[in-house]
Amino acid sequence: MSNINMLAALGGGTQYKSTQRGTMTFAGASLTADITVSAVDLSKANLVYLGCAPSVDSVVGMAYIYFLNSTTVRAARVSGSIATVVSFEIVERI
């Protein structure tokens, strides 16, 4: 699905102010990773988890993401011992 089609599926005729994409890396056994993003209005922004690599076979190693505040996205995991890259996208509506 192209990005344009995906955005249309999210909101039909909704207009978007910005789209940001990025990755963050857990270094070794760290349990959280933060990345700074351009400020968004949290009441109008959707944070989308795009996956992680290397893929993991256990729920324990999987990461989840959330807004820490309007300029920081945090990824967290229960445990892990290898570097893992998490991909995300932020779509902000007007």
N, C-alpha and C. Protein backbone atom coordinates (compact mmCIF):
# COMPACT_ATOMS: atom_id res chain seq x y z
N MET A 1 0.85 -1.17 0.00
CA MET A 1 0.00 0.00 0.00
C MET A 1 0.90 1.23 0.00
N SER A 2 0.66 2.16 -0.88
CA SER A 2 1.48 3.37 -0.91
C SER A 2 1.15 4.24 0.29
N ASN A 3 2.06 5.16 0.62
CA ASN A 3 1.82 6.06 1.75
C ASN A 3 0.58 6.90 1.53
N ILE A 4 0.34 7.33 0.30
CA ILE A 4 -0.84 8.15 0.01
C ILE A 4 -2.11 7.34 0.26
N ASN A 5 -2.15 6.10 -0.20
CA ASN A 5 -3.32 5.26 0.03
C ASN A 5 -3.50 4.96 1.51
N MET A 6 -2.40 4.75 2.23
CA MET A 6 -2.49 4.48 3.65
C MET A 6 -3.08 5.68 4.38
N LEU A 7 -2.63 6.89 4.04
CA LEU A 7 -3.15 8.08 4.69
C LEU A 7 -4.62 8.26 4.37
N ALA A 8 -5.02 7.97 3.15
CA ALA A 8 -6.42 8.07 2.77
C ALA A 8 -7.25 7.09 3.59
N ALA A 9 -6.70 5.89 3.81
CA ALA A 9 -7.41 4.89 4.59
C ALA A 9 -7.56 5.31 6.05
N LEU A 10 -6.60 6.08 6.56
CA LEU A 10 -6.65 6.53 7.95
C LEU A 10 -7.74 7.56 8.18
N GLY A 11 -7.98 8.43 7.20
CA GLY A 11 -8.91 9.50 7.49
C GLY A 11 -9.73 9.99 6.32
N GLY A 12 -9.76 9.28 5.22
CA GLY A 12 -10.55 9.72 4.08
C GLY A 12 -10.09 11.07 3.58
N GLY A 13 -10.93 12.09 3.74
CA GLY A 13 -10.61 13.42 3.23
C GLY A 13 -9.86 14.29 4.22
N THR A 14 -9.36 13.71 5.29
CA THR A 14 -8.64 14.48 6.30
C THR A 14 -7.39 15.10 5.71
N GLN A 15 -7.12 16.33 6.11
CA GLN A 15 -5.89 17.00 5.68
C GLN A 15 -4.83 16.81 6.75
N TYR A 16 -3.59 16.69 6.29
CA TYR A 16 -2.50 16.42 7.21
C TYR A 16 -1.52 17.56 7.25
N LYS A 17 -1.09 17.88 8.46
CA LYS A 17 -0.12 18.95 8.68
C LYS A 17 1.30 18.45 8.46
N SER A 18 1.59 17.25 8.96
CA SER A 18 2.95 16.74 8.82
C SER A 18 2.98 15.23 8.96
N THR A 19 4.02 14.65 8.39
CA THR A 19 4.33 13.24 8.55
C THR A 19 5.82 13.14 8.89
N GLN A 20 6.13 12.41 9.93
CA GLN A 20 7.52 12.21 10.31
C GLN A 20 7.76 10.71 10.43
N ARG A 21 8.91 10.26 9.95
CA ARG A 21 9.29 8.85 10.06
C ARG A 21 10.68 8.78 10.68
N GLY A 22 10.91 7.70 11.39
CA GLY A 22 12.22 7.56 11.97
C GLY A 22 12.47 6.18 12.53
N THR A 23 13.67 6.00 13.02
CA THR A 23 14.07 4.77 13.68
C THR A 23 14.82 5.11 14.95
N MET A 24 14.80 4.21 15.89
CA MET A 24 15.60 4.35 17.10
C MET A 24 16.16 2.99 17.44
N THR A 25 17.30 2.98 18.10
CA THR A 25 18.00 1.73 18.37
C THR A 25 18.17 1.51 19.87
N PHE A 26 17.80 0.31 20.32
CA PHE A 26 18.13 -0.11 21.68
C PHE A 26 19.57 -0.58 21.64
N ALA A 27 20.40 -0.01 22.49
CA ALA A 27 21.81 -0.41 22.54
C ALA A 27 21.93 -1.58 23.52
N GLY A 28 22.27 -2.75 22.98
CA GLY A 28 22.49 -3.92 23.83
C GLY A 28 21.31 -4.23 24.72
N ALA A 29 21.53 -4.20 26.04
CA ALA A 29 20.50 -4.61 26.99
C ALA A 29 19.62 -3.46 27.49
N SER A 30 19.76 -2.25 26.92
CA SER A 30 18.94 -1.14 27.40
C SER A 30 17.46 -1.45 27.16
N LEU A 31 16.61 -0.93 28.04
CA LEU A 31 15.18 -1.23 27.98
C LEU A 31 14.36 -0.11 27.37
N THR A 32 14.96 1.08 27.20
CA THR A 32 14.25 2.19 26.56
C THR A 32 15.18 2.88 25.57
N ALA A 33 14.55 3.51 24.58
CA ALA A 33 15.27 4.32 23.62
C ALA A 33 14.37 5.52 23.28
N ASP A 34 14.94 6.71 23.27
CA ASP A 34 14.19 7.93 22.98
C ASP A 34 14.71 8.57 21.70
N ILE A 35 13.82 9.27 21.01
CA ILE A 35 14.22 10.06 19.85
C ILE A 35 13.44 11.37 19.89
N THR A 36 14.12 12.45 19.54
CA THR A 36 13.49 13.76 19.47
C THR A 36 12.90 13.96 18.09
N VAL A 37 11.66 14.45 18.06
CA VAL A 37 10.95 14.73 16.82
C VAL A 37 10.51 16.19 16.82
N SER A 38 10.10 16.68 15.67
CA SER A 38 9.53 18.03 15.61
C SER A 38 8.25 18.04 16.44
N ALA A 39 7.99 19.14 17.12
CA ALA A 39 6.83 19.23 18.01
C ALA A 39 5.53 18.94 17.26
N VAL A 40 4.66 18.16 17.92
CA VAL A 40 3.34 17.85 17.37
C VAL A 40 2.28 18.16 18.42
N ASP A 41 1.07 18.40 17.96
CA ASP A 41 -0.08 18.54 18.85
C ASP A 41 -0.56 17.12 19.16
N LEU A 42 -0.38 16.69 20.41
CA LEU A 42 -0.67 15.30 20.77
C LEU A 42 -2.15 14.94 20.57
N SER A 43 -3.03 15.93 20.59
CA SER A 43 -4.45 15.63 20.38
C SER A 43 -4.78 15.41 18.91
N LYS A 44 -3.81 15.71 18.01
CA LYS A 44 -4.03 15.56 16.57
C LYS A 44 -3.03 14.62 15.90
N ALA A 45 -2.21 13.95 16.69
CA ALA A 45 -1.13 13.13 16.12
C ALA A 45 -1.37 11.65 16.38
N ASN A 46 -1.07 10.84 15.38
CA ASN A 46 -1.10 9.38 15.50
C ASN A 46 0.32 8.85 15.39
N LEU A 47 0.69 8.01 16.32
CA LEU A 47 2.00 7.37 16.32
C LEU A 47 1.81 5.92 15.87
N VAL A 48 2.51 5.55 14.79
CA VAL A 48 2.33 4.22 14.20
C VAL A 48 3.63 3.42 14.33
N TYR A 49 3.52 2.24 14.92
CA TYR A 49 4.64 1.31 15.05
C TYR A 49 4.80 0.58 13.72
N LEU A 50 5.98 0.69 13.11
CA LEU A 50 6.20 0.07 11.80
C LEU A 50 6.98 -1.24 11.88
N GLY A 51 7.46 -1.60 13.07
CA GLY A 51 8.15 -2.87 13.24
C GLY A 51 9.53 -2.71 13.85
N CYS A 52 10.19 -3.85 14.05
CA CYS A 52 11.53 -3.82 14.62
C CYS A 52 12.39 -4.88 13.95
N ALA A 53 13.69 -4.69 14.02
CA ALA A 53 14.65 -5.63 13.45
C ALA A 53 15.87 -5.66 14.37
N PRO A 54 16.54 -6.73 14.63
CA PRO A 54 16.18 -8.02 14.04
C PRO A 54 14.86 -8.49 14.62
N SER A 55 14.15 -9.32 13.86
CA SER A 55 12.86 -9.81 14.35
C SER A 55 13.12 -10.70 15.56
N VAL A 56 12.15 -10.74 16.41
CA VAL A 56 12.30 -11.52 17.64
C VAL A 56 11.21 -12.59 17.70
N ASP A 57 11.55 -13.70 18.31
CA ASP A 57 10.59 -14.81 18.41
C ASP A 57 9.78 -14.76 19.70
N SER A 58 10.13 -13.87 20.59
CA SER A 58 9.50 -13.83 21.90
C SER A 58 8.83 -12.49 22.14
N VAL A 59 7.68 -12.52 22.78
CA VAL A 59 6.99 -11.29 23.13
C VAL A 59 7.87 -10.45 24.06
N VAL A 60 8.69 -11.08 24.88
CA VAL A 60 9.56 -10.37 25.82
C VAL A 60 10.50 -9.41 25.10
N GLY A 61 10.99 -9.78 23.93
CA GLY A 61 11.93 -8.94 23.20
C GLY A 61 11.29 -7.87 22.34
N MET A 62 9.97 -7.93 22.17
CA MET A 62 9.29 -6.96 21.32
C MET A 62 9.20 -5.59 21.99
N ALA A 63 9.20 -4.56 21.19
CA ALA A 63 9.14 -3.20 21.70
C ALA A 63 7.75 -2.61 21.49
N TYR A 64 7.41 -1.64 22.31
CA TYR A 64 6.22 -0.83 22.08
C TYR A 64 6.65 0.62 22.11
N ILE A 65 5.85 1.51 21.51
CA ILE A 65 6.23 2.92 21.41
C ILE A 65 5.10 3.80 21.93
N TYR A 66 5.49 4.99 22.37
CA TYR A 66 4.50 5.97 22.83
C TYR A 66 5.14 7.34 22.85
N PHE A 67 4.28 8.37 22.89
CA PHE A 67 4.76 9.74 23.04
C PHE A 67 5.12 9.96 24.49
N LEU A 68 6.36 10.38 24.75
CA LEU A 68 6.75 10.78 26.10
C LEU A 68 6.25 12.20 26.34
N ASN A 69 6.34 13.03 25.31
CA ASN A 69 5.80 14.39 25.31
C ASN A 69 5.67 14.81 23.84
N SER A 70 5.41 16.07 23.57
CA SER A 70 5.15 16.52 22.20
C SER A 70 6.39 16.50 21.30
N THR A 71 7.56 16.31 21.87
CA THR A 71 8.79 16.29 21.05
C THR A 71 9.62 15.02 21.23
N THR A 72 9.10 14.03 21.97
CA THR A 72 9.88 12.82 22.22
C THR A 72 9.02 11.57 22.05
N VAL A 73 9.54 10.62 21.27
CA VAL A 73 8.94 9.30 21.14
C VAL A 73 9.84 8.34 21.90
N ARG A 74 9.23 7.47 22.70
CA ARG A 74 9.99 6.47 23.45
C ARG A 74 9.59 5.08 23.00
N ALA A 75 10.59 4.22 22.85
CA ALA A 75 10.37 2.79 22.64
C ALA A 75 10.81 2.09 23.92
N ALA A 76 10.07 1.09 24.31
CA ALA A 76 10.40 0.35 25.52
C ALA A 76 10.21 -1.14 25.27
N ARG A 77 10.95 -1.94 26.02
CA ARG A 77 10.80 -3.39 25.94
C ARG A 77 11.01 -3.97 27.32
N VAL A 78 10.51 -5.18 27.53
CA VAL A 78 10.58 -5.83 28.83
C VAL A 78 11.99 -6.31 29.11
N SER A 79 12.63 -6.89 28.11
CA SER A 79 14.01 -7.34 28.27
C SER A 79 14.63 -7.47 26.89
N GLY A 80 15.90 -7.71 26.86
CA GLY A 80 16.59 -7.88 25.60
C GLY A 80 18.08 -7.75 25.80
N SER A 81 18.83 -8.40 24.93
CA SER A 81 20.28 -8.35 25.08
C SER A 81 20.97 -8.01 23.77
N ILE A 82 20.20 -7.78 22.71
CA ILE A 82 20.81 -7.44 21.43
C ILE A 82 20.29 -6.09 20.95
N ALA A 83 21.09 -5.43 20.13
CA ALA A 83 20.67 -4.16 19.57
C ALA A 83 19.46 -4.40 18.68
N THR A 84 18.43 -3.59 18.85
CA THR A 84 17.20 -3.72 18.07
C THR A 84 16.81 -2.35 17.54
N VAL A 85 16.46 -2.28 16.27
CA VAL A 85 16.04 -1.03 15.65
C VAL A 85 14.52 -1.03 15.53
N VAL A 86 13.89 0.04 16.00
CA VAL A 86 12.43 0.20 15.95
C VAL A 86 12.10 1.31 14.96
N SER A 87 11.14 1.05 14.07
CA SER A 87 10.71 2.05 13.09
C SER A 87 9.33 2.58 13.46
N PHE A 88 9.11 3.87 13.18
CA PHE A 88 7.82 4.48 13.52
C PHE A 88 7.47 5.57 12.52
N GLU A 89 6.22 6.00 12.57
CA GLU A 89 5.74 7.11 11.75
C GLU A 89 4.75 7.92 12.60
N ILE A 90 4.82 9.24 12.45
CA ILE A 90 3.87 10.14 13.11
C ILE A 90 3.11 10.86 12.02
N VAL A 91 1.78 10.82 12.10
CA VAL A 91 0.94 11.54 11.16
C VAL A 91 0.13 12.54 11.99
N GLU A 92 0.28 13.83 11.68
CA GLU A 92 -0.43 14.87 12.42
C GLU A 92 -1.48 15.51 11.52
N ARG A 93 -2.72 15.54 12.02
CA ARG A 93 -3.83 16.16 11.28
C ARG A 93 -3.82 17.68 11.50
N ILE A 94 -4.42 18.39 10.56
CA ILE A 94 -4.55 19.85 10.70
C ILE A 94 -5.59 20.15 11.74
